Amino acid sequence: MSSQPAEPRDAPRAGPSRSCLWASLAASFLALSAAFWTWALIDLEPALVFMPLHWVVAPAILFAVTLWAMAVAFGVKRRGRGALAPLAVCVVAWILLATVPWLRLWLAFDFAWKLSERERIVEDIRRGVLGPNVDYNGAMVALGRSYAHVSAGDNEVVLERRPEGPWVLFFTFRGVLNHYSGFLYVPEGGNPETFSDLSDRRHQIVPYGHGWYWVAR
């Protein structure tokens, strides 16, 4: 009877490398997703709940998997070149986390994704269909269920009526201690520097399209 040839003792073992590769892909995806969706997820969960995931938990998981990938990579002669793949994935993830302007990327995505609905809301305010309707603040407009969720928090916008037309702020972040950010619509001839209390504190204004600005205070 002939027996099957035994597997050579020095054959590469892909088991640990494969498991580590899946772990590195999962950890990288978690860290990169947390970086991209930071401000969108804060709108769904309190900042004190999500921020640890973004700044501590996700990077810590990626760091632990990176250490595992380094240990696997040291066995490249025994396991084959595939042992380097998990470490390569982790290194690419760290480079992306350090170099990609995640906030700017997410803002560009948010602006393009919700622009048409925000323009419709501005037009409804201009025509008088919408107006201030929040008891505790005469400048707030609650959009309600008739409109898509285009403003962080409770889907409320800030309205300032000026001679040139309505100024409308759509929140991207409604923080604590009077800090906020959002996309501000300014009619032609208006100066965004004069909106609300921006001029009273340190602020940032970035142009986005015709009549649109991202403001932060």
C-alpha atoms as a PDB file:
ATOM      1  CA  MET A   1       0.000   0.000   0.000  1.00  0.00           C
ATOM      2  CA  SER A   2       1.249   3.435  -0.906  1.00  0.00           C
ATOM      3  CA  SER A   3       0.951   6.201   1.623  1.00  0.00           C
ATOM      4  CA  GLN A   4       0.512   9.887   0.868  1.00  0.00           C
ATOM      5  CA  PRO A   5       3.725  11.898   1.121  1.00  0.00           C
ATOM      6  CA  ALA A   6       4.094  13.755   4.403  1.00  0.00           C
ATOM      7  CA  GLU A   7       4.002  17.563   4.331  1.00  0.00           C
ATOM      8  CA  PRO A   8       7.505  19.006   4.612  1.00  0.00           C
ATOM      9  CA  ARG A   9       8.305  20.249   8.076  1.00  0.00           C
ATOM     10  CA  ASP A  10       9.401  23.675   6.818  1.00  0.00           C
ATOM     11  CA  ALA A  11       6.201  24.357   4.840  1.00  0.00           C
ATOM     12  CA  PRO A  12       4.794  27.856   5.557  1.00  0.00           C
ATOM     13  CA  ARG A  13       1.977  27.889   8.112  1.00  0.00           C
ATOM     14  CA  ALA A  14      -0.696  30.405   7.113  1.00  0.00           C
ATOM     15  CA  GLY A  15      -3.056  29.945  10.072  1.00  0.00           C
ATOM     16  CA  PRO A  16      -1.744  32.662  12.446  1.00  0.00           C
ATOM     17  CA  SER A  17      -1.003  34.983   9.540  1.00  0.00           C
ATOM     18  CA  ARG A  18      -4.529  34.637   8.200  1.00  0.00           C
ATOM     19  CA  SER A  19      -6.143  35.246  11.578  1.00  0.00           C
ATOM     20  CA  CYS A  20      -3.940  38.267  12.165  1.00  0.00           C
ATOM     21  CA  LEU A  21      -4.732  39.596   8.695  1.00  0.00           C
ATOM     22  CA  TRP A  22      -8.483  39.472   9.381  1.00  0.00           C
ATOM     23  CA  ALA A  23      -7.914  41.149  12.738  1.00  0.00           C
ATOM     24  CA  SER A  24      -5.807  43.902  11.160  1.00  0.00           C
ATOM     25  CA  LEU A  25      -8.456  44.527   8.498  1.00  0.00           C
ATOM     26  CA  ALA A  26     -11.208  44.718  11.126  1.00  0.00           C
ATOM     27  CA  ALA A  27      -9.213  46.993  13.448  1.00  0.00           C
ATOM     28  CA  SER A  28      -8.224  49.282  10.579  1.00  0.00           C
ATOM     29  CA  PHE A  29     -11.803  49.509   9.371  1.00  0.00           C
ATOM     30  CA  LEU A  30     -13.005  50.378  12.881  1.00  0.00           C
ATOM     31  CA  ALA A  31     -10.376  53.085  13.369  1.00  0.00           C
ATOM     32  CA  LEU A  32     -10.850  54.658   9.940  1.00  0.00           C
ATOM     33  CA  SER A  33     -14.646  54.547  10.208  1.00  0.00           C
ATOM     34  CA  ALA A  34     -14.519  56.204  13.624  1.00  0.00           C
ATOM     35  CA  ALA A  35     -12.286  58.936  12.209  1.00  0.00           C
ATOM     36  CA  PHE A  36     -14.561  59.631   9.226  1.00  0.00           C
ATOM     37  CA  TRP A  37     -17.931  59.437  10.983  1.00  0.00           C
ATOM     38  CA  THR A  38     -16.918  61.242  14.176  1.00  0.00           C
ATOM     39  CA  TRP A  39     -19.222  64.244  13.904  1.00  0.00           C
ATOM     40  CA  ALA A  40     -22.110  62.335  12.362  1.00  0.00           C
ATOM     41  CA  LEU A  41     -22.082  59.788  15.190  1.00  0.00           C
ATOM     42  CA  ILE A  42     -21.813  62.483  17.846  1.00  0.00           C
ATOM     43  CA  ASP A  43     -25.164  63.710  16.536  1.00  0.00           C
ATOM     44  CA  LEU A  44     -26.619  60.298  17.424  1.00  0.00           C
ATOM     45  CA  GLU A  45     -24.761  59.650  20.659  1.00  0.00           C
ATOM     46  CA  PRO A  46     -23.553  62.056  23.371  1.00  0.00           C
ATOM     47  CA  ALA A  47     -20.013  63.308  22.799  1.00  0.00           C
ATOM     48  CA  LEU A  48     -18.849  61.823  26.109  1.00  0.00           C
ATOM     49  CA  VAL A  49     -19.998  58.396  24.891  1.00  0.00           C
ATOM     50  CA  PHE A  50     -18.568  58.435  21.380  1.00  0.00           C
ATOM     51  CA  MET A  51     -15.342  60.414  21.895  1.00  0.00           C
ATOM     52  CA  PRO A  52     -13.686  57.579  23.887  1.00  0.00           C
ATOM     53  CA  LEU A  53     -14.418  55.241  20.962  1.00  0.00           C
ATOM     54  CA  HIS A  54     -12.783  57.653  18.534  1.00  0.00           C
ATOM     55  CA  TRP A  55      -9.789  58.796  20.554  1.00  0.00           C
ATOM     56  CA  VAL A  56      -9.098  55.796  22.826  1.00  0.00           C
ATOM     57  CA  VAL A  57     -10.843  52.511  22.072  1.00  0.00           C
ATOM     58  CA  ALA A  58     -10.424  52.268  18.285  1.00  0.00           C
ATOM     59  CA  PRO A  59      -6.742  53.372  18.262  1.00  0.00           C
ATOM     60  CA  ALA A  60      -6.013  51.069  21.230  1.00  0.00           C
ATOM     61  CA  ILE A  61      -7.462  48.095  19.356  1.00  0.00           C
ATOM     62  CA  LEU A  62      -5.458  48.968  16.256  1.00  0.00           C
ATOM     63  CA  PHE A  63      -2.319  49.376  18.368  1.00  0.00           C
ATOM     64  CA  ALA A  64      -2.792  45.944  19.972  1.00  0.00           C
ATOM     65  CA  VAL A  65      -3.365  44.315  16.581  1.00  0.00           C
ATOM     66  CA  THR A  66      -0.288  46.105  15.234  1.00  0.00           C
ATOM     67  CA  LEU A  67       1.821  44.529  17.994  1.00  0.00           C
ATOM     68  CA  TRP A  68       0.363  41.130  17.075  1.00  0.00           C
ATOM     69  CA  ALA A  69       1.129  41.797  13.394  1.00  0.00           C
ATOM     70  CA  MET A  70       4.726  42.667  14.275  1.00  0.00           C
ATOM     71  CA  ALA A  71       5.095  39.381  16.139  1.00  0.00           C
ATOM     72  CA  VAL A  72       3.693  37.501  13.148  1.00  0.00           C
ATOM     73  CA  ALA A  73       5.999  39.401  10.762  1.00  0.00           C
ATOM     74  CA  PHE A  74       9.067  38.232  12.710  1.00  0.00           C
ATOM     75  CA  GLY A  75       8.207  34.706  11.578  1.00  0.00           C
ATOM     76  CA  VAL A  76       8.307  35.573   7.876  1.00  0.00           C
ATOM     77  CA  LYS A  77      10.970  32.941   7.144  1.00  0.00           C
ATOM     78  CA  ARG A  78       8.851  30.246   8.749  1.00  0.00           C
ATOM     79  CA  ARG A  79       5.419  31.397   7.539  1.00  0.00           C
ATOM     80  CA  GLY A  80       6.226  32.924   4.172  1.00  0.00           C
ATOM     81  CA  ARG A  81       5.767  36.449   2.827  1.00  0.00           C
ATOM     82  CA  GLY A  82       2.089  36.380   3.752  1.00  0.00           C
ATOM     83  CA  ALA A  83       3.172  36.996   7.336  1.00  0.00           C
ATOM     84  CA  LEU A  84       3.986  40.583   6.362  1.00  0.00           C
ATOM     85  CA  ALA A  85       0.477  41.375   5.106  1.00  0.00           C
ATOM     86  CA  PRO A  86      -1.145  42.093   8.510  1.00  0.00           C
ATOM     87  CA  LEU A  87       1.614  44.528   9.445  1.00  0.00           C
ATOM     88  CA  ALA A  88       1.336  46.243   6.053  1.00  0.00           C
ATOM     89  CA  VAL A  89      -2.406  46.750   6.593  1.00  0.00           C
ATOM     90  CA  CYS A  90      -1.837  48.259  10.044  1.00  0.00           C
ATOM     91  CA  VAL A  91       0.904  50.570   8.790  1.00  0.00           C
ATOM     92  CA  VAL A  92      -1.332  51.849   5.978  1.00  0.00           C
ATOM     93  CA  ALA A  93      -4.139  52.461   8.498  1.00  0.00           C
ATOM     94  CA  TRP A  94      -1.845  54.478  10.787  1.00  0.00           C
ATOM     95  CA  ILE A  95      -0.598  56.539   7.843  1.00  0.00           C
ATOM     96  CA  LEU A  96      -4.162  57.299   6.749  1.00  0.00           C
ATOM     97  CA  LEU A  97      -5.186  58.252  10.285  1.00  0.00           C
ATOM     98  CA  ALA A  98      -2.252  60.645  10.529  1.00  0.00           C
ATOM     99  CA  THR A  99      -2.405  62.256   7.087  1.00  0.00           C
ATOM    100  CA  VAL A 100      -6.012  62.318   5.830  1.00  0.00           C
ATOM    101  CA  PRO A 101      -7.947  65.516   6.743  1.00  0.00           C
ATOM    102  CA  TRP A 102     -10.917  63.567   8.083  1.00  0.00           C
ATOM    103  CA  LEU A 103     -12.985  66.551   9.212  1.00  0.00           C
ATOM    104  CA  ARG A 104     -12.584  68.313   5.875  1.00  0.00           C
ATOM    105  CA  LEU A 105     -13.448  65.100   4.031  1.00  0.00           C
ATOM    106  CA  TRP A 106     -16.589  64.523   6.095  1.00  0.00           C
ATOM    107  CA  LEU A 107     -17.700  68.155   5.735  1.00  0.00           C
ATOM    108  CA  ALA A 108     -17.352  67.954   1.954  1.00  0.00           C
ATOM    109  CA  PHE A 109     -19.425  64.771   1.972  1.00  0.00           C
ATOM    110  CA  ASP A 110     -22.070  66.268   4.284  1.00  0.00           C
ATOM    111  CA  PHE A 111     -22.293  69.486   2.257  1.00  0.00           C
ATOM    112  CA  ALA A 112     -22.762  67.717  -1.084  1.00  0.00           C
ATOM    113  CA  TRP A 113     -25.128  65.089   0.321  1.00  0.00           C
ATOM    114  CA  LYS A 114     -27.567  67.538   1.964  1.00  0.00           C
ATOM    115  CA  LEU A 115     -27.189  70.633  -0.217  1.00  0.00           C
ATOM    116  CA  SER A 116     -30.402  70.290  -2.241  1.00  0.00           C
ATOM    117  CA  GLU A 117     -32.560  69.760   0.859  1.00  0.00           C
ATOM    118  CA  ARG A 118     -30.952  72.691   2.649  1.00  0.00           C
ATOM    119  CA  GLU A 119     -31.525  74.934  -0.368  1.00  0.00           C
ATOM    120  CA  ARG A 120     -35.195  73.890  -0.360  1.00  0.00           C
ATOM    121  CA  ILE A 121     -35.474  74.851   3.305  1.00  0.00           C
ATOM    122  CA  VAL A 122     -33.861  78.240   2.671  1.00  0.00           C
ATOM    123  CA  GLU A 123     -36.349  78.852  -0.123  1.00  0.00           C
ATOM    124  CA  ASP A 124     -39.288  77.845   2.102  1.00  0.00           C
ATOM    125  CA  ILE A 125     -38.076  80.296   4.734  1.00  0.00           C
ATOM    126  CA  ARG A 126     -37.753  83.008   2.093  1.00  0.00           C
ATOM    127  CA  ARG A 127     -41.338  82.384   0.931  1.00  0.00           C
ATOM    128  CA  GLY A 128     -42.665  82.389   4.487  1.00  0.00           C
ATOM    129  CA  VAL A 129     -43.561  78.709   4.602  1.00  0.00           C
ATOM    130  CA  LEU A 130     -41.172  78.265   7.523  1.00  0.00           C
ATOM    131  CA  GLY A 131     -40.436  80.638  10.388  1.00  0.00           C
ATOM    132  CA  PRO A 132     -39.369  80.686  14.040  1.00  0.00           C
ATOM    133  CA  ASN A 133     -41.484  78.185  15.958  1.00  0.00           C
ATOM    134  CA  VAL A 134     -39.455  77.303  19.063  1.00  0.00           C
ATOM    135  CA  ASP A 135     -40.794  78.735  22.317  1.00  0.00           C
ATOM    136  CA  TYR A 136     -37.470  79.110  24.107  1.00  0.00           C
ATOM    137  CA  ASN A 137     -35.640  80.848  21.243  1.00  0.00           C
ATOM    138  CA  GLY A 138     -37.177  83.294  18.777  1.00  0.00           C
ATOM    139  CA  ALA A 139     -34.432  82.684  16.211  1.00  0.00           C
ATOM    140  CA  MET A 140     -34.844  78.897  16.017  1.00  0.00           C
ATOM    141  CA  VAL A 141     -36.826  77.027  13.385  1.00  0.00           C
ATOM    142  CA  ALA A 142     -37.761  73.411  14.128  1.00  0.00           C
ATOM    143  CA  LEU A 143     -37.968  71.620  10.784  1.00  0.00           C
ATOM    144  CA  GLY A 144     -40.088  68.720  11.981  1.00  0.00           C
ATOM    145  CA  ARG A 145     -40.769  65.505  10.117  1.00  0.00           C
ATOM    146  CA  SER A 146     -41.654  67.185   6.840  1.00  0.00           C
ATOM    147  CA  TYR A 147     -37.954  67.701   6.095  1.00  0.00           C
ATOM    148  CA  ALA A 148     -34.940  65.429   6.056  1.00  0.00           C
ATOM    149  CA  HIS A 149     -32.537  65.559   8.988  1.00  0.00           C
ATOM    150  CA  VAL A 150     -30.106  68.240   7.794  1.00  0.00           C
ATOM    151  CA  SER A 151     -29.161  69.947  11.069  1.00  0.00           C
ATOM    152  CA  ALA A 152     -27.422  68.292  14.005  1.00  0.00           C
ATOM    153  CA  GLY A 153     -29.337  67.791  17.205  1.00  0.00           C
ATOM    154  CA  ASP A 154     -33.106  68.160  16.985  1.00  0.00           C
ATOM    155  CA  ASN A 155     -33.085  69.237  13.317  1.00  0.00           C
ATOM    156  CA  GLU A 156     -33.402  72.914  14.179  1.00  0.00           C
ATOM    157  CA  VAL A 157     -31.837  75.821  12.286  1.00  0.00           C
ATOM    158  CA  VAL A 158     -30.989  79.366  13.311  1.00  0.00           C
ATOM    159  CA  LEU A 159     -32.663  82.144  11.317  1.00  0.00           C
ATOM    160  CA  GLU A 160     -31.592  85.764  11.068  1.00  0.00           C
ATOM    161  CA  ARG A 161     -33.634  88.060   8.875  1.00  0.00           C
ATOM    162  CA  ARG A 162     -31.623  90.724   7.089  1.00  0.00           C
ATOM    163  CA  PRO A 163     -32.519  93.258   4.360  1.00  0.00           C
ATOM    164  CA  GLU A 164     -30.786  91.105   1.745  1.00  0.00           C
ATOM    165  CA  GLY A 165     -32.741  88.005   2.771  1.00  0.00           C
ATOM    166  CA  PRO A 166     -32.746  85.231   5.385  1.00  0.00           C
ATOM    167  CA  TRP A 167     -29.500  83.955   6.873  1.00  0.00           C
ATOM    168  CA  VAL A 168     -29.844  80.301   7.878  1.00  0.00           C
ATOM    169  CA  LEU A 169     -27.453  78.198   9.952  1.00  0.00           C
ATOM    170  CA  PHE A 170     -27.616  74.399   9.675  1.00  0.00           C
ATOM    171  CA  PHE A 171     -25.719  72.782  12.533  1.00  0.00           C
ATOM    172  CA  THR A 172     -23.091  70.127  11.956  1.00  0.00           C
ATOM    173  CA  PHE A 173     -22.228  70.100  15.655  1.00  0.00           C
ATOM    174  CA  ARG A 174     -24.143  71.452  18.638  1.00  0.00           C
ATOM    175  CA  GLY A 175     -21.611  71.269  21.405  1.00  0.00           C
ATOM    176  CA  VAL A 176     -21.391  72.368  24.999  1.00  0.00           C
ATOM    177  CA  LEU A 177     -20.489  75.759  26.475  1.00  0.00           C
ATOM    178  CA  ASN A 178     -21.974  77.592  23.465  1.00  0.00           C
ATOM    179  CA  HIS A 179     -19.617  75.988  20.963  1.00  0.00           C
ATOM    180  CA  TYR A 180     -21.099  75.017  17.621  1.00  0.00           C
ATOM    181  CA  SER A 181     -20.334  74.557  13.938  1.00  0.00           C
ATOM    182  CA  GLY A 182     -22.468  74.384  10.828  1.00  0.00           C
ATOM    183  CA  PHE A 183     -23.172  75.443   7.281  1.00  0.00           C
ATOM    184  CA  LEU A 184     -24.377  79.025   7.043  1.00  0.00           C
ATOM    185  CA  TYR A 185     -26.332  80.342   4.076  1.00  0.00           C
ATOM    186  CA  VAL A 186     -25.615  84.015   3.411  1.00  0.00           C
ATOM    187  CA  PRO A 187     -27.538  85.880   0.673  1.00  0.00           C
ATOM    188  CA  GLU A 188     -25.575  87.869  -1.883  1.00  0.00           C
ATOM    189  CA  GLY A 189     -24.142  91.019  -0.349  1.00  0.00           C
ATOM    190  CA  GLY A 190     -23.904  89.615   3.177  1.00  0.00           C
ATOM    191  CA  ASN A 191     -20.738  89.244   5.234  1.00  0.00           C
ATOM    192  CA  PRO A 192     -20.602  85.999   7.251  1.00  0.00           C
ATOM    193  CA  GLU A 193     -18.350  87.685   9.808  1.00  0.00           C
ATOM    194  CA  THR A 194     -21.375  89.603  11.080  1.00  0.00           C
ATOM    195  CA  PHE A 195     -23.556  86.555  11.764  1.00  0.00           C
ATOM    196  CA  SER A 196     -24.931  86.244  15.291  1.00  0.00           C
ATOM    197  CA  ASP A 197     -22.160  86.215  17.903  1.00  0.00           C
ATOM    198  CA  LEU A 198     -19.298  85.063  15.650  1.00  0.00           C
ATOM    199  CA  SER A 199     -17.520  88.391  15.905  1.00  0.00           C
ATOM    200  CA  ASP A 200     -17.565  88.228  19.721  1.00  0.00           C
ATOM    201  CA  ARG A 201     -15.408  85.118  20.032  1.00  0.00           C
ATOM    202  CA  ARG A 202     -12.719  83.149  18.244  1.00  0.00           C
ATOM    203  CA  HIS A 203     -14.261  81.619  15.176  1.00  0.00           C
ATOM    204  CA  GLN A 204     -13.533  80.002  11.842  1.00  0.00           C
ATOM    205  CA  ILE A 205     -15.203  80.662   8.478  1.00  0.00           C
ATOM    206  CA  VAL A 206     -14.590  78.533   5.383  1.00  0.00           C
ATOM    207  CA  PRO A 207     -16.320  79.241   2.022  1.00  0.00           C
ATOM    208  CA  TYR A 208     -18.370  76.348   0.580  1.00  0.00           C
ATOM    209  CA  GLY A 209     -20.035  77.025  -2.740  1.00  0.00           C
ATOM    210  CA  HIS A 210     -22.034  80.088  -3.725  1.00  0.00           C
ATOM    211  CA  GLY A 211     -23.447  81.761  -0.621  1.00  0.00           C
ATOM    212  CA  TRP A 212     -22.502  78.899   1.705  1.00  0.00           C
ATOM    213  CA  TYR A 213     -19.938  78.954   4.493  1.00  0.00           C
ATOM    214  CA  TRP A 214     -18.870  76.535   7.180  1.00  0.00           C
ATOM    215  CA  VAL A 215     -18.608  78.415  10.455  1.00  0.00           C
ATOM    216  CA  ALA A 216     -17.325  77.257  13.847  1.00  0.00           C
ATOM    217  CA  ARG A 217     -17.224  78.956  17.199  1.00  0.00           C
END
